[in-house]
Amino acid sequence: AKALPEDNLQERKLKMGLLSIAKDEARHANYLHEVLKRESPKVEEILDFWQARHAKALWAMANHINF
């Protein structure tokens, strides 16, 4: 969303709408993270595992793209 130009009114409205949605989703994710931390002491370990797995998958995908 941040890459969208602001000189066109429609594009500016789209940009502002997308940024608003992203901000709202970040609040939801933070809330869920706090709930998970209260419910499970292993949540940080689980999140670290999945974040590392995601990063490895992105690197693997990027290495197979021919520019």
PDB file of N, CA and C in Angstrom:
ATOM      1  N   ALA A   1       0.825  -1.196   0.000  1.00  0.00           N
ATOM      2  CA  ALA A   1       0.000   0.000   0.000  1.00  0.00           C
ATOM      3  C   ALA A   1       0.867   1.258   0.000  1.00  0.00           C
ATOM      4  N   LYS A   2       1.993   1.195   0.714  1.00  0.00           N
ATOM      5  CA  LYS A   2       2.843   2.382   0.807  1.00  0.00           C
ATOM      6  C   LYS A   2       3.449   2.759  -0.534  1.00  0.00           C
ATOM      7  N   ALA A   3       3.500   1.819  -1.467  1.00  0.00           N
ATOM      8  CA  ALA A   3       4.085   2.094  -2.773  1.00  0.00           C
ATOM      9  C   ALA A   3       3.107   2.813  -3.709  1.00  0.00           C
ATOM     10  N   LEU A   4       1.841   2.822  -3.373  1.00  0.00           N
ATOM     11  CA  LEU A   4       0.860   3.490  -4.227  1.00  0.00           C
ATOM     12  C   LEU A   4       1.072   4.999  -4.195  1.00  0.00           C
ATOM     13  N   PRO A   5       0.929   5.644  -5.355  1.00  0.00           N
ATOM     14  CA  PRO A   5       1.097   7.103  -5.400  1.00  0.00           C
ATOM     15  C   PRO A   5      -0.082   7.807  -4.726  1.00  0.00           C
ATOM     16  N   GLU A   6       0.135   9.044  -4.357  1.00  0.00           N
ATOM     17  CA  GLU A   6      -0.918   9.822  -3.703  1.00  0.00           C
ATOM     18  C   GLU A   6      -1.454  10.950  -4.578  1.00  0.00           C
ATOM     19  N   ASP A   7      -0.957  11.065  -5.784  1.00  0.00           N
ATOM     20  CA  ASP A   7      -1.371  12.180  -6.630  1.00  0.00           C
ATOM     21  C   ASP A   7      -2.740  11.958  -7.262  1.00  0.00           C
ATOM     22  N   ASN A   8      -3.188  10.721  -7.385  1.00  0.00           N
ATOM     23  CA  ASN A   8      -4.492  10.395  -7.936  1.00  0.00           C
ATOM     24  C   ASN A   8      -5.440  10.134  -6.771  1.00  0.00           C
ATOM     25  N   LEU A   9      -6.621  10.768  -6.773  1.00  0.00           N
ATOM     26  CA  LEU A   9      -7.556  10.657  -5.655  1.00  0.00           C
ATOM     27  C   LEU A   9      -7.981   9.213  -5.402  1.00  0.00           C
ATOM     28  N   GLN A  10      -8.285   8.466  -6.461  1.00  0.00           N
ATOM     29  CA  GLN A  10      -8.713   7.078  -6.288  1.00  0.00           C
ATOM     30  C   GLN A  10      -7.589   6.221  -5.695  1.00  0.00           C
ATOM     31  N   GLU A  11      -6.386   6.406  -6.192  1.00  0.00           N
ATOM     32  CA  GLU A  11      -5.255   5.644  -5.669  1.00  0.00           C
ATOM     33  C   GLU A  11      -4.954   6.025  -4.226  1.00  0.00           C
ATOM     34  N   ARG A  12      -5.124   7.292  -3.902  1.00  0.00           N
ATOM     35  CA  ARG A  12      -4.905   7.736  -2.519  1.00  0.00           C
ATOM     36  C   ARG A  12      -5.935   7.101  -1.592  1.00  0.00           C
ATOM     37  N   LYS A  13      -7.197   7.040  -2.029  1.00  0.00           N
ATOM     38  CA  LYS A  13      -8.242   6.413  -1.213  1.00  0.00           C
ATOM     39  C   LYS A  13      -7.958   4.924  -1.028  1.00  0.00           C
ATOM     40  N   LEU A  14      -7.522   4.266  -2.095  1.00  0.00           N
ATOM     41  CA  LEU A  14      -7.168   2.850  -2.006  1.00  0.00           C
ATOM     42  C   LEU A  14      -6.025   2.650  -1.026  1.00  0.00           C
ATOM     43  N   LYS A  15      -5.009   3.496  -1.146  1.00  0.00           N
ATOM     44  CA  LYS A  15      -3.851   3.414  -0.267  1.00  0.00           C
ATOM     45  C   LYS A  15      -4.274   3.584   1.194  1.00  0.00           C
ATOM     46  N   MET A  16      -5.064   4.586   1.483  1.00  0.00           N
ATOM     47  CA  MET A  16      -5.494   4.844   2.856  1.00  0.00           C
ATOM     48  C   MET A  16      -6.354   3.689   3.381  1.00  0.00           C
ATOM     49  N   GLY A  17      -7.197   3.130   2.530  1.00  0.00           N
ATOM     50  CA  GLY A  17      -8.022   1.992   2.933  1.00  0.00           C
ATOM     51  C   GLY A  17      -7.186   0.771   3.257  1.00  0.00           C
ATOM     52  N   LEU A  18      -6.200   0.482   2.415  1.00  0.00           N
ATOM     53  CA  LEU A  18      -5.329  -0.669   2.658  1.00  0.00           C
ATOM     54  C   LEU A  18      -4.497  -0.491   3.924  1.00  0.00           C
ATOM     55  N   LEU A  19      -3.999   0.709   4.151  1.00  0.00           N
ATOM     56  CA  LEU A  19      -3.232   0.967   5.368  1.00  0.00           C
ATOM     57  C   LEU A  19      -4.105   0.841   6.613  1.00  0.00           C
ATOM     58  N   SER A  20      -5.350   1.261   6.522  1.00  0.00           N
ATOM     59  CA  SER A  20      -6.280   1.127   7.641  1.00  0.00           C
ATOM     60  C   SER A  20      -6.552  -0.343   7.946  1.00  0.00           C
ATOM     61  N   ILE A  21      -6.745  -1.145   6.910  1.00  0.00           N
ATOM     62  CA  ILE A  21      -6.962  -2.585   7.088  1.00  0.00           C
ATOM     63  C   ILE A  21      -5.738  -3.232   7.711  1.00  0.00           C
ATOM     64  N   ALA A  22      -4.557  -2.874   7.232  1.00  0.00           N
ATOM     65  CA  ALA A  22      -3.320  -3.447   7.765  1.00  0.00           C
ATOM     66  C   ALA A  22      -3.159  -3.095   9.249  1.00  0.00           C
ATOM     67  N   LYS A  23      -3.481  -1.864   9.615  1.00  0.00           N
ATOM     68  CA  LYS A  23      -3.380  -1.450  11.013  1.00  0.00           C
ATOM     69  C   LYS A  23      -4.343  -2.247  11.885  1.00  0.00           C
ATOM     70  N   ASP A  24      -5.553  -2.457  11.392  1.00  0.00           N
ATOM     71  CA  ASP A  24      -6.550  -3.224  12.124  1.00  0.00           C
ATOM     72  C   ASP A  24      -6.110  -4.684  12.279  1.00  0.00           C
ATOM     73  N   GLU A  25      -5.573  -5.257  11.217  1.00  0.00           N
ATOM     74  CA  GLU A  25      -5.103  -6.642  11.285  1.00  0.00           C
ATOM     75  C   GLU A  25      -3.921  -6.783  12.239  1.00  0.00           C
ATOM     76  N   ALA A  26      -3.065  -5.783  12.296  1.00  0.00           N
ATOM     77  CA  ALA A  26      -1.941  -5.810  13.239  1.00  0.00           C
ATOM     78  C   ALA A  26      -2.463  -5.822  14.677  1.00  0.00           C
ATOM     79  N   ARG A  27      -3.518  -5.048  14.948  1.00  0.00           N
ATOM     80  CA  ARG A  27      -4.117  -5.063  16.290  1.00  0.00           C
ATOM     81  C   ARG A  27      -4.674  -6.441  16.614  1.00  0.00           C
ATOM     82  N   HIS A  28      -5.339  -7.068  15.641  1.00  0.00           N
ATOM     83  CA  HIS A  28      -5.877  -8.419  15.857  1.00  0.00           C
ATOM     84  C   HIS A  28      -4.746  -9.408  16.147  1.00  0.00           C
ATOM     85  N   ALA A  29      -3.680  -9.332  15.375  1.00  0.00           N
ATOM     86  CA  ALA A  29      -2.553 -10.244  15.565  1.00  0.00           C
ATOM     87  C   ALA A  29      -1.916 -10.041  16.936  1.00  0.00           C
ATOM     88  N   ASN A  30      -1.761  -8.797  17.363  1.00  0.00           N
ATOM     89  CA  ASN A  30      -1.193  -8.518  18.686  1.00  0.00           C
ATOM     90  C   ASN A  30      -2.077  -9.055  19.795  1.00  0.00           C
ATOM     91  N   TYR A  31      -3.381  -8.887  19.638  1.00  0.00           N
ATOM     92  CA  TYR A  31      -4.323  -9.399  20.633  1.00  0.00           C
ATOM     93  C   TYR A  31      -4.218 -10.921  20.726  1.00  0.00           C
ATOM     94  N   LEU A  32      -4.228 -11.599  19.578  1.00  0.00           N
ATOM     95  CA  LEU A  32      -4.129 -13.059  19.573  1.00  0.00           C
ATOM     96  C   LEU A  32      -2.805 -13.538  20.153  1.00  0.00           C
ATOM     97  N   HIS A  33      -1.738 -12.813  19.871  1.00  0.00           N
ATOM     98  CA  HIS A  33      -0.432 -13.176  20.409  1.00  0.00           C
ATOM     99  C   HIS A  33      -0.454 -13.102  21.932  1.00  0.00           C
ATOM    100  N   GLU A  34      -1.047 -12.056  22.480  1.00  0.00           N
ATOM    101  CA  GLU A  34      -1.140 -11.918  23.932  1.00  0.00           C
ATOM    102  C   GLU A  34      -1.977 -13.040  24.550  1.00  0.00           C
ATOM    103  N   VAL A  35      -3.073 -13.392  23.912  1.00  0.00           N
ATOM    104  CA  VAL A  35      -3.915 -14.487  24.410  1.00  0.00           C
ATOM    105  C   VAL A  35      -3.129 -15.794  24.387  1.00  0.00           C
ATOM    106  N   LEU A  36      -2.435 -16.053  23.296  1.00  0.00           N
ATOM    107  CA  LEU A  36      -1.649 -17.286  23.190  1.00  0.00           C
ATOM    108  C   LEU A  36      -0.557 -17.338  24.256  1.00  0.00           C
ATOM    109  N   LYS A  37       0.087 -16.220  24.519  1.00  0.00           N
ATOM    110  CA  LYS A  37       1.140 -16.192  25.542  1.00  0.00           C
ATOM    111  C   LYS A  37       0.570 -16.537  26.918  1.00  0.00           C
ATOM    112  N   ARG A  38      -0.639 -16.072  27.203  1.00  0.00           N
ATOM    113  CA  ARG A  38      -1.266 -16.387  28.495  1.00  0.00           C
ATOM    114  C   ARG A  38      -1.640 -17.869  28.584  1.00  0.00           C
ATOM    115  N   GLU A  39      -2.058 -18.444  27.457  1.00  0.00           N
ATOM    116  CA  GLU A  39      -2.554 -19.820  27.452  1.00  0.00           C
ATOM    117  C   GLU A  39      -1.452 -20.866  27.335  1.00  0.00           C
ATOM    118  N   SER A  40      -0.356 -20.524  26.690  1.00  0.00           N
ATOM    119  CA  SER A  40       0.690 -21.515  26.458  1.00  0.00           C
ATOM    120  C   SER A  40       2.072 -20.904  26.661  1.00  0.00           C
ATOM    121  N   PRO A  41       2.839 -21.460  27.574  1.00  0.00           N
ATOM    122  CA  PRO A  41       4.191 -20.937  27.776  1.00  0.00           C
ATOM    123  C   PRO A  41       5.126 -21.235  26.603  1.00  0.00           C
ATOM    124  N   LYS A  42       4.729 -22.139  25.711  1.00  0.00           N
ATOM    125  CA  LYS A  42       5.584 -22.507  24.579  1.00  0.00           C
ATOM    126  C   LYS A  42       5.286 -21.698  23.318  1.00  0.00           C
ATOM    127  N   VAL A  43       4.410 -20.709  23.405  1.00  0.00           N
ATOM    128  CA  VAL A  43       3.984 -19.998  22.201  1.00  0.00           C
ATOM    129  C   VAL A  43       5.157 -19.334  21.485  1.00  0.00           C
ATOM    130  N   GLU A  44       6.098 -18.764  22.210  1.00  0.00           N
ATOM    131  CA  GLU A  44       7.237 -18.105  21.556  1.00  0.00           C
ATOM    132  C   GLU A  44       8.080 -19.119  20.790  1.00  0.00           C
ATOM    133  N   GLU A  45       8.269 -20.282  21.371  1.00  0.00           N
ATOM    134  CA  GLU A  45       9.022 -21.347  20.696  1.00  0.00           C
ATOM    135  C   GLU A  45       8.311 -21.783  19.414  1.00  0.00           C
ATOM    136  N   ILE A  46       7.000 -21.928  19.491  1.00  0.00           N
ATOM    137  CA  ILE A  46       6.207 -22.334  18.323  1.00  0.00           C
ATOM    138  C   ILE A  46       6.259 -21.257  17.242  1.00  0.00           C
ATOM    139  N   LEU A  47       6.094 -19.996  17.632  1.00  0.00           N
ATOM    140  CA  LEU A  47       6.142 -18.900  16.660  1.00  0.00           C
ATOM    141  C   LEU A  47       7.515 -18.796  16.003  1.00  0.00           C
ATOM    142  N   ASP A  48       8.570 -18.946  16.786  1.00  0.00           N
ATOM    143  CA  ASP A  48       9.926 -18.910  16.228  1.00  0.00           C
ATOM    144  C   ASP A  48      10.108 -20.001  15.187  1.00  0.00           C
ATOM    145  N   PHE A  49       9.604 -21.206  15.490  1.00  0.00           N
ATOM    146  CA  PHE A  49       9.711 -22.327  14.545  1.00  0.00           C
ATOM    147  C   PHE A  49       9.022 -21.987  13.228  1.00  0.00           C
ATOM    148  N   TRP A  50       7.765 -21.500  13.300  1.00  0.00           N
ATOM    149  CA  TRP A  50       7.014 -21.222  12.077  1.00  0.00           C
ATOM    150  C   TRP A  50       7.565 -20.016  11.318  1.00  0.00           C
ATOM    151  N   GLN A  51       8.093 -19.032  12.032  1.00  0.00           N
ATOM    152  CA  GLN A  51       8.698 -17.890  11.345  1.00  0.00           C
ATOM    153  C   GLN A  51       9.964 -18.315  10.608  1.00  0.00           C
ATOM    154  N   ALA A  52      10.759 -19.175  11.230  1.00  0.00           N
ATOM    155  CA  ALA A  52      11.966 -19.682  10.566  1.00  0.00           C
ATOM    156  C   ALA A  52      11.585 -20.520   9.351  1.00  0.00           C
ATOM    157  N   ARG A  53      10.566 -21.327   9.497  1.00  0.00           N
ATOM    158  CA  ARG A  53      10.116 -22.162   8.372  1.00  0.00           C
ATOM    159  C   ARG A  53       9.626 -21.293   7.213  1.00  0.00           C
ATOM    160  N   HIS A  54       8.898 -20.251   7.544  1.00  0.00           N
ATOM    161  CA  HIS A  54       8.398 -19.328   6.520  1.00  0.00           C
ATOM    162  C   HIS A  54       9.567 -18.647   5.803  1.00  0.00           C
ATOM    163  N   ALA A  55      10.534 -18.171   6.558  1.00  0.00           N
ATOM    164  CA  ALA A  55      11.702 -17.508   5.965  1.00  0.00           C
ATOM    165  C   ALA A  55      12.467 -18.458   5.050  1.00  0.00           C
ATOM    166  N   LYS A  56      12.650 -19.698   5.490  1.00  0.00           N
ATOM    167  CA  LYS A  56      13.348 -20.681   4.658  1.00  0.00           C
ATOM    168  C   LYS A  56      12.583 -20.948   3.368  1.00  0.00           C
ATOM    169  N   ALA A  57      11.265 -21.009   3.453  1.00  0.00           N
ATOM    170  CA  ALA A  57      10.442 -21.232   2.257  1.00  0.00           C
ATOM    171  C   ALA A  57      10.562 -20.061   1.289  1.00  0.00           C
ATOM    172  N   LEU A  58      10.572 -18.840   1.824  1.00  0.00           N
ATOM    173  CA  LEU A  58      10.728 -17.664   0.955  1.00  0.00           C
ATOM    174  C   LEU A  58      12.083 -17.655   0.265  1.00  0.00           C
ATOM    175  N   TRP A  59      13.150 -17.987   1.001  1.00  0.00           N
ATOM    176  CA  TRP A  59      14.483 -18.048   0.407  1.00  0.00           C
ATOM    177  C   TRP A  59      14.545 -19.132  -0.661  1.00  0.00           C
ATOM    178  N   ALA A  60      13.943 -20.282  -0.397  1.00  0.00           N
ATOM    179  CA  ALA A  60      13.946 -21.368  -1.380  1.00  0.00           C
ATOM    180  C   ALA A  60      13.218 -20.931  -2.647  1.00  0.00           C
ATOM    181  N   MET A  61      12.093 -20.261  -2.481  1.00  0.00           N
ATOM    182  CA  MET A  61      11.332 -19.795  -3.632  1.00  0.00           C
ATOM    183  C   MET A  61      12.143 -18.738  -4.400  1.00  0.00           C
ATOM    184  N   ALA A  62      12.756 -17.816  -3.680  1.00  0.00           N
ATOM    185  CA  ALA A  62      13.521 -16.748  -4.340  1.00  0.00           C
ATOM    186  C   ALA A  62      14.718 -17.312  -5.101  1.00  0.00           C
ATOM    187  N   ASN A  63      15.316 -18.363  -4.604  1.00  0.00           N
ATOM    188  CA  ASN A  63      16.452 -18.955  -5.285  1.00  0.00           C
ATOM    189  C   ASN A  63      16.095 -19.680  -6.566  1.00  0.00           C
ATOM    190  N   HIS A  64      14.815 -19.962  -6.754  1.00  0.00           N
ATOM    191  CA  HIS A  64      14.372 -20.657  -7.965  1.00  0.00           C
ATOM    192  C   HIS A  64      13.803 -19.718  -9.015  1.00  0.00           C
ATOM    193  N   ILE A  65      13.802 -18.432  -8.733  1.00  0.00           N
ATOM    194  CA  ILE A  65      13.285 -17.440  -9.688  1.00  0.00           C
ATOM    195  C   ILE A  65      14.447 -16.990 -10.567  1.00  0.00           C
ATOM    196  N   ASN A  66      14.233 -17.058 -11.867  1.00  0.00           N
ATOM    197  CA  ASN A  66      15.234 -16.579 -12.826  1.00  0.00           C
ATOM    198  C   ASN A  66      14.879 -15.164 -13.243  1.00  0.00           C
ATOM    199  N   PHE A  67      15.806 -14.251 -13.066  1.00  0.00           N
ATOM    200  CA  PHE A  67      15.551 -12.860 -13.440  1.00  0.00           C
ATOM    201  C   PHE A  67      16.077 -12.594 -14.821  1.00  0.00           C
TER     202      PHE A  67
END
